[in-house]
Amino acid sequence: MLLCLSTAAVAQEAPSAKPFERFDGCLLEPDEWTDGDSFRVRLPDSRLETFRLYFVDTTESRSRAPMSKRPTAG
């Protein structure tokens, strides 16, 4: 019985992928929580959205200092 349930779960199809959307006229909105794989963007209709890059290997910042006060390389 348990084997039948496991096999049924594996046999399900994944949902179809949605097409990519393109947003023209956006602006990056730096803030203190921005890190390597997520960032805030102001959309043309003035909404502020957070975008996250999945499957991207970036170093997470341990600092919570505002972006303008973080040390820079150089």
Protein backbone atom coordinates (compact mmCIF):
# COMPACT_ATOMS: atom_id res chain seq x y z
CA MET A 1 0.00 0.00 0.00
CA LEU A 2 2.76 2.46 0.91
CA LEU A 3 4.65 1.69 -2.30
CA CYS A 4 1.56 2.47 -4.38
CA LEU A 5 1.17 5.90 -2.76
CA SER A 6 4.83 6.78 -3.36
CA THR A 7 4.63 5.76 -7.01
CA ALA A 8 1.47 7.82 -7.52
CA ALA A 9 3.16 10.93 -6.11
CA VAL A 10 6.12 10.58 -8.47
CA ALA A 11 3.90 10.10 -11.52
CA GLN A 12 2.27 13.55 -11.23
CA GLU A 13 3.24 16.11 -13.85
CA ALA A 14 4.78 19.44 -12.91
CA PRO A 15 2.68 22.52 -13.71
CA SER A 16 3.51 24.21 -16.98
CA ALA A 17 5.92 27.14 -16.78
CA LYS A 18 4.61 30.66 -17.27
CA PRO A 19 6.31 32.80 -19.92
CA PHE A 20 8.74 35.49 -18.79
CA GLU A 21 7.40 38.99 -18.35
CA ARG A 22 9.30 42.07 -19.43
CA PHE A 23 9.04 45.31 -17.46
CA ASP A 24 10.38 48.38 -19.28
CA GLY A 25 11.12 51.62 -17.44
CA CYS A 26 11.99 50.07 -14.05
CA LEU A 27 14.40 51.56 -11.51
CA LEU A 28 16.59 49.78 -8.98
CA GLU A 29 15.70 50.93 -5.45
CA PRO A 30 18.74 50.27 -3.24
CA ASP A 31 17.93 49.66 0.39
CA GLU A 32 19.68 48.28 3.46
CA TRP A 33 18.38 44.73 2.89
CA THR A 34 19.60 44.32 -0.70
CA ASP A 35 22.01 41.41 -1.09
CA GLY A 36 23.46 39.42 -3.96
CA ASP A 37 20.39 37.47 -4.99
CA SER A 38 17.47 39.76 -4.20
CA PHE A 39 16.79 43.41 -4.89
CA ARG A 40 13.96 45.96 -4.89
CA VAL A 41 12.67 47.43 -8.14
CA ARG A 42 10.29 50.35 -8.74
CA LEU A 43 7.95 49.37 -11.59
CA PRO A 44 6.55 51.89 -14.11
CA ASP A 45 3.19 51.92 -12.26
CA SER A 46 5.08 53.00 -9.06
CA ARG A 47 4.75 49.62 -7.31
CA LEU A 48 7.84 48.55 -5.37
CA GLU A 49 8.57 44.83 -5.83
CA THR A 50 11.31 42.52 -4.58
CA PHE A 51 12.95 40.33 -7.21
CA ARG A 52 14.86 37.20 -6.22
CA LEU A 53 17.30 35.28 -8.42
CA TYR A 54 16.85 31.56 -7.83
CA PHE A 55 19.66 29.04 -8.34
CA VAL A 56 22.25 31.87 -8.21
CA ASP A 57 25.09 31.28 -5.78
CA THR A 58 25.89 34.60 -4.10
CA THR A 59 27.43 35.51 -0.79
CA GLU A 60 24.84 36.70 1.67
CA SER A 61 25.76 39.90 3.46
CA ARG A 62 26.02 39.59 7.22
CA SER A 63 26.04 43.35 7.57
CA ARG A 64 22.79 45.16 8.12
CA ALA A 65 24.38 48.57 7.68
CA PRO A 66 22.75 50.74 5.03
CA MET A 67 24.21 50.22 1.55
CA SER A 68 25.78 53.71 1.61
CA LYS A 69 27.76 52.87 4.78
CA ARG A 70 29.07 49.45 3.77
CA PRO A 71 32.77 49.17 2.99
CA THR A 72 33.68 49.05 -0.69
CA ALA A 73 36.43 47.06 -2.39
CA GLY A 74 39.42 48.96 -3.58
